[in-house]
């Protein structure tokens, strides 16, 4: 798995997603873009990719496309329309793009046409209040533990498997 962080302005969502699909097909990779404000950190995405790949290997996927499966796991949601909330839509975004597959390095290089790369890592742009609300992490839950918000989000990601 490789991650690409950057900014992009999406004028036509279908065209943007089509560009990601084209890059994915060209380099035999799953390519998925996320709104950086929802990404708790690198481990959040690593866990989502690992679980999506495991579901794929076992023939237990929820979605038909591996990139959408990664989105579902990252969101901790079985409903695609709910998971799309952590993805991108039209407008200007700081994005984290996941690339997982055969020729990841060349796919990441091709993403320079889609997003202007930036020098920050996943989790640097997280909006903690937004994330806590989306993943239904309460103040009481956060007060009861000393683990990071990312660890709590990873717990939600893993729970998707249990909900099957």
C-alpha atoms as a PDB file:
ATOM      1  CA  UNK A   1       0.000   0.000   0.000  1.00  0.00           C
ATOM      2  CA  UNK A   2       1.158   3.495  -0.844  1.00  0.00           C
ATOM      3  CA  UNK A   3      -0.407   6.760   0.242  1.00  0.00           C
ATOM      4  CA  UNK A   4      -0.463  10.037  -1.619  1.00  0.00           C
ATOM      5  CA  UNK A   5      -1.440  13.233   0.171  1.00  0.00           C
ATOM      6  CA  UNK A   6      -2.284  16.478  -1.514  1.00  0.00           C
ATOM      7  CA  UNK A   7      -4.859  18.973  -2.589  1.00  0.00           C
ATOM      8  CA  UNK A   8      -7.268  18.855  -5.468  1.00  0.00           C
ATOM      9  CA  UNK A   9     -10.173  20.799  -6.833  1.00  0.00           C
ATOM     10  CA  UNK A  10     -12.901  18.516  -8.115  1.00  0.00           C
ATOM     11  CA  UNK A  11     -15.156  20.195 -10.638  1.00  0.00           C
ATOM     12  CA  UNK A  12     -16.724  16.994 -11.966  1.00  0.00           C
ATOM     13  CA  UNK A  13     -16.807  14.089  -9.520  1.00  0.00           C
ATOM     14  CA  UNK A  14     -17.509  11.452 -12.172  1.00  0.00           C
ATOM     15  CA  UNK A  15     -14.515  12.625 -14.197  1.00  0.00           C
ATOM     16  CA  UNK A  16     -12.274  12.646 -11.109  1.00  0.00           C
ATOM     17  CA  UNK A  17     -13.336   9.132 -10.103  1.00  0.00           C
ATOM     18  CA  UNK A  18     -12.911   8.026 -13.711  1.00  0.00           C
ATOM     19  CA  UNK A  19      -9.323   9.292 -13.628  1.00  0.00           C
ATOM     20  CA  UNK A  20      -8.676   7.275 -10.460  1.00  0.00           C
ATOM     21  CA  UNK A  21     -10.223   4.167 -12.058  1.00  0.00           C
ATOM     22  CA  UNK A  22      -8.101   4.622 -15.186  1.00  0.00           C
ATOM     23  CA  UNK A  23      -4.922   4.879 -13.119  1.00  0.00           C
ATOM     24  CA  UNK A  24      -5.966   1.840 -11.110  1.00  0.00           C
ATOM     25  CA  UNK A  25      -6.647  -0.231 -14.227  1.00  0.00           C
ATOM     26  CA  UNK A  26      -3.438   0.890 -15.920  1.00  0.00           C
ATOM     27  CA  UNK A  27      -1.269  -0.135 -12.983  1.00  0.00           C
ATOM     28  CA  UNK A  28      -3.416  -2.990 -11.614  1.00  0.00           C
ATOM     29  CA  UNK A  29      -4.138  -1.202  -8.342  1.00  0.00           C
ATOM     30  CA  UNK A  30      -7.092  -0.222  -6.224  1.00  0.00           C
ATOM     31  CA  UNK A  31      -7.105   3.576  -5.985  1.00  0.00           C
ATOM     32  CA  UNK A  32      -9.384   5.354  -3.512  1.00  0.00           C
ATOM     33  CA  UNK A  33      -9.489   9.020  -2.469  1.00  0.00           C
ATOM     34  CA  UNK A  34     -10.509  10.208   0.987  1.00  0.00           C
ATOM     35  CA  UNK A  35     -11.316  13.579   2.483  1.00  0.00           C
ATOM     36  CA  UNK A  36      -8.251  14.035   4.722  1.00  0.00           C
ATOM     37  CA  UNK A  37     -10.362  15.451   7.553  1.00  0.00           C
ATOM     38  CA  UNK A  38     -11.802  11.950   8.157  1.00  0.00           C
ATOM     39  CA  UNK A  39      -8.520  10.021   8.141  1.00  0.00           C
ATOM     40  CA  UNK A  40      -7.241   9.439  11.663  1.00  0.00           C
ATOM     41  CA  UNK A  41      -3.775   8.355  10.497  1.00  0.00           C
ATOM     42  CA  UNK A  42      -1.772   5.895   8.449  1.00  0.00           C
ATOM     43  CA  UNK A  43      -2.732   2.917  10.615  1.00  0.00           C
ATOM     44  CA  UNK A  44      -6.408   3.684   9.963  1.00  0.00           C
ATOM     45  CA  UNK A  45      -5.887   3.162   6.239  1.00  0.00           C
ATOM     46  CA  UNK A  46      -3.455   0.264   6.609  1.00  0.00           C
ATOM     47  CA  UNK A  47      -6.043  -1.604   8.678  1.00  0.00           C
ATOM     48  CA  UNK A  48      -8.813  -0.855   6.155  1.00  0.00           C
ATOM     49  CA  UNK A  49      -6.706  -2.069   3.221  1.00  0.00           C
ATOM     50  CA  UNK A  50      -5.615  -5.238   5.035  1.00  0.00           C
ATOM     51  CA  UNK A  51      -9.190  -6.137   5.946  1.00  0.00           C
ATOM     52  CA  UNK A  52     -10.506  -5.345   2.456  1.00  0.00           C
ATOM     53  CA  UNK A  53      -7.784  -7.518   0.937  1.00  0.00           C
ATOM     54  CA  UNK A  54      -8.564 -10.332   3.364  1.00  0.00           C
ATOM     55  CA  UNK A  55     -12.267 -10.158   2.484  1.00  0.00           C
ATOM     56  CA  UNK A  56     -11.324 -10.269  -1.203  1.00  0.00           C
ATOM     57  CA  UNK A  57      -9.089 -13.322  -0.718  1.00  0.00           C
ATOM     58  CA  UNK A  58     -11.876 -15.113   1.147  1.00  0.00           C
ATOM     59  CA  UNK A  59     -14.561 -14.174  -1.376  1.00  0.00           C
ATOM     60  CA  UNK A  60     -16.449 -12.277   1.348  1.00  0.00           C
ATOM     61  CA  UNK A  61     -16.491  -8.781  -0.110  1.00  0.00           C
ATOM     62  CA  UNK A  62     -19.349  -6.354   0.331  1.00  0.00           C
ATOM     63  CA  UNK A  63     -18.597  -4.303  -2.803  1.00  0.00           C
ATOM     64  CA  UNK A  64     -17.787  -5.394  -6.344  1.00  0.00           C
ATOM     65  CA  UNK A  65     -14.763  -3.092  -6.647  1.00  0.00           C
ATOM     66  CA  UNK A  66     -11.756  -3.385  -4.360  1.00  0.00           C
ATOM     67  CA  UNK A  67     -11.406   0.407  -4.099  1.00  0.00           C
ATOM     68  CA  UNK A  68     -14.990   0.636  -2.794  1.00  0.00           C
ATOM     69  CA  UNK A  69     -14.297  -2.240  -0.389  1.00  0.00           C
ATOM     70  CA  UNK A  70     -11.376  -0.233   1.001  1.00  0.00           C
ATOM     71  CA  UNK A  71     -13.704   2.759   1.409  1.00  0.00           C
ATOM     72  CA  UNK A  72     -16.254   0.640   3.283  1.00  0.00           C
ATOM     73  CA  UNK A  73     -13.649  -0.666   5.700  1.00  0.00           C
ATOM     74  CA  UNK A  74     -12.079   2.762   6.217  1.00  0.00           C
ATOM     75  CA  UNK A  75     -15.543   4.122   7.011  1.00  0.00           C
ATOM     76  CA  UNK A  76     -16.479   1.137   9.173  1.00  0.00           C
ATOM     77  CA  UNK A  77     -19.790   1.036   7.286  1.00  0.00           C
ATOM     78  CA  UNK A  78     -21.554  -1.600   5.213  1.00  0.00           C
ATOM     79  CA  UNK A  79     -23.738   0.981   3.452  1.00  0.00           C
ATOM     80  CA  UNK A  80     -21.903   2.496   0.506  1.00  0.00           C
ATOM     81  CA  UNK A  81     -23.897   5.731   0.591  1.00  0.00           C
ATOM     82  CA  UNK A  82     -22.878   6.267   4.248  1.00  0.00           C
ATOM     83  CA  UNK A  83     -19.240   5.395   3.527  1.00  0.00           C
ATOM     84  CA  UNK A  84     -19.075   7.972   0.739  1.00  0.00           C
ATOM     85  CA  UNK A  85     -19.164  10.677   3.406  1.00  0.00           C
ATOM     86  CA  UNK A  86     -15.434  10.139   4.063  1.00  0.00           C
ATOM     87  CA  UNK A  87     -14.678  10.151   0.351  1.00  0.00           C
ATOM     88  CA  UNK A  88     -14.565  13.206  -1.859  1.00  0.00           C
ATOM     89  CA  UNK A  89     -17.171  15.165  -3.755  1.00  0.00           C
ATOM     90  CA  UNK A  90     -17.076  18.292  -5.848  1.00  0.00           C
ATOM     91  CA  UNK A  91     -15.081  21.139  -4.355  1.00  0.00           C
ATOM     92  CA  UNK A  92     -11.576  21.818  -3.107  1.00  0.00           C
ATOM     93  CA  UNK A  93     -10.082  19.138  -0.867  1.00  0.00           C
ATOM     94  CA  UNK A  94      -7.062  18.043   1.013  1.00  0.00           C
ATOM     95  CA  UNK A  95      -7.023  14.366   0.095  1.00  0.00           C
ATOM     96  CA  UNK A  96      -5.385  11.131   1.062  1.00  0.00           C
ATOM     97  CA  UNK A  97      -5.301   8.689  -1.824  1.00  0.00           C
ATOM     98  CA  UNK A  98      -4.717   4.996  -1.159  1.00  0.00           C
ATOM     99  CA  UNK A  99      -2.997   2.939  -3.834  1.00  0.00           C
ATOM    100  CA  UNK A 100      -2.805  -0.813  -3.312  1.00  0.00           C
ATOM    101  CA  UNK A 101      -1.820  -3.360  -5.901  1.00  0.00           C
ATOM    102  CA  UNK A 102       0.679  -4.445  -8.482  1.00  0.00           C
ATOM    103  CA  UNK A 103       2.536  -1.296  -9.604  1.00  0.00           C
ATOM    104  CA  UNK A 104       1.896   1.143  -6.777  1.00  0.00           C
ATOM    105  CA  UNK A 105       4.863   3.449  -7.382  1.00  0.00           C
ATOM    106  CA  UNK A 106       3.944   4.179 -10.977  1.00  0.00           C
ATOM    107  CA  UNK A 107       0.301   4.640  -9.985  1.00  0.00           C
ATOM    108  CA  UNK A 108       1.335   7.198  -7.344  1.00  0.00           C
ATOM    109  CA  UNK A 109       3.438   8.992  -9.962  1.00  0.00           C
ATOM    110  CA  UNK A 110       0.392   9.130 -12.258  1.00  0.00           C
ATOM    111  CA  UNK A 111      -1.653  10.738  -9.481  1.00  0.00           C
ATOM    112  CA  UNK A 112       0.297  13.979  -9.904  1.00  0.00           C
ATOM    113  CA  UNK A 113      -2.141  14.730 -12.725  1.00  0.00           C
ATOM    114  CA  UNK A 114      -5.062  14.306 -10.314  1.00  0.00           C
ATOM    115  CA  UNK A 115      -3.851  15.960  -7.102  1.00  0.00           C
ATOM    116  CA  UNK A 116      -1.061  18.354  -6.248  1.00  0.00           C
ATOM    117  CA  UNK A 117       1.067  16.469  -3.747  1.00  0.00           C
ATOM    118  CA  UNK A 118       1.734  17.954  -0.331  1.00  0.00           C
ATOM    119  CA  UNK A 119       4.238  17.326   2.414  1.00  0.00           C
ATOM    120  CA  UNK A 120       1.992  16.083   5.219  1.00  0.00           C
ATOM    121  CA  UNK A 121       0.928  12.662   6.381  1.00  0.00           C
ATOM    122  CA  UNK A 122      -2.480  11.103   6.978  1.00  0.00           C
ATOM    123  CA  UNK A 123      -3.775  12.243  10.320  1.00  0.00           C
ATOM    124  CA  UNK A 124      -2.181  15.688  10.067  1.00  0.00           C
ATOM    125  CA  UNK A 125      -5.391  17.171   8.676  1.00  0.00           C
ATOM    126  CA  UNK A 126      -7.871  15.184  10.776  1.00  0.00           C
ATOM    127  CA  UNK A 127     -10.848  17.054  12.174  1.00  0.00           C
ATOM    128  CA  UNK A 128     -11.210  15.244  15.512  1.00  0.00           C
ATOM    129  CA  UNK A 129     -14.758  16.441  16.180  1.00  0.00           C
ATOM    130  CA  UNK A 130     -15.899  15.395  12.700  1.00  0.00           C
ATOM    131  CA  UNK A 131     -14.207  11.981  13.058  1.00  0.00           C
ATOM    132  CA  UNK A 132     -15.634  11.348  16.520  1.00  0.00           C
ATOM    133  CA  UNK A 133     -19.102  12.224  15.236  1.00  0.00           C
ATOM    134  CA  UNK A 134     -18.816  10.064  12.101  1.00  0.00           C
ATOM    135  CA  UNK A 135     -17.484   7.013  13.967  1.00  0.00           C
ATOM    136  CA  UNK A 136     -19.844   7.609  16.910  1.00  0.00           C
ATOM    137  CA  UNK A 137     -17.007   7.937  19.399  1.00  0.00           C
ATOM    138  CA  UNK A 138     -18.381   9.688  22.456  1.00  0.00           C
ATOM    139  CA  UNK A 139     -16.608  12.043  24.846  1.00  0.00           C
ATOM    140  CA  UNK A 140     -17.237   9.481  27.585  1.00  0.00           C
ATOM    141  CA  UNK A 141     -15.512   6.774  25.534  1.00  0.00           C
ATOM    142  CA  UNK A 142     -12.518   9.015  24.913  1.00  0.00           C
ATOM    143  CA  UNK A 143     -12.345   9.974  28.603  1.00  0.00           C
ATOM    144  CA  UNK A 144     -12.444   6.316  29.671  1.00  0.00           C
ATOM    145  CA  UNK A 145      -9.273   5.386  27.790  1.00  0.00           C
ATOM    146  CA  UNK A 146      -5.837   6.745  27.098  1.00  0.00           C
ATOM    147  CA  UNK A 147      -5.648   5.343  23.557  1.00  0.00           C
ATOM    148  CA  UNK A 148      -5.536   7.693  20.603  1.00  0.00           C
ATOM    149  CA  UNK A 149      -8.465   8.690  18.444  1.00  0.00           C
ATOM    150  CA  UNK A 150      -6.833   6.696  15.657  1.00  0.00           C
ATOM    151  CA  UNK A 151      -6.873   3.544  17.807  1.00  0.00           C
ATOM    152  CA  UNK A 152     -10.585   4.030  18.470  1.00  0.00           C
ATOM    153  CA  UNK A 153     -11.228   4.521  14.741  1.00  0.00           C
ATOM    154  CA  UNK A 154      -9.243   1.359  13.954  1.00  0.00           C
ATOM    155  CA  UNK A 155     -11.491  -0.484  16.401  1.00  0.00           C
ATOM    156  CA  UNK A 156     -14.527   0.686  14.396  1.00  0.00           C
ATOM    157  CA  UNK A 157     -12.855  -0.459  11.168  1.00  0.00           C
ATOM    158  CA  UNK A 158     -12.300  -3.946  12.601  1.00  0.00           C
ATOM    159  CA  UNK A 159     -15.886  -4.121  13.852  1.00  0.00           C
ATOM    160  CA  UNK A 160     -17.131  -4.114  10.257  1.00  0.00           C
ATOM    161  CA  UNK A 161     -15.933  -7.716  10.025  1.00  0.00           C
ATOM    162  CA  UNK A 162     -17.913  -8.650  13.132  1.00  0.00           C
ATOM    163  CA  UNK A 163     -21.102  -7.091  11.748  1.00  0.00           C
ATOM    164  CA  UNK A 164     -21.208  -9.498   8.823  1.00  0.00           C
END
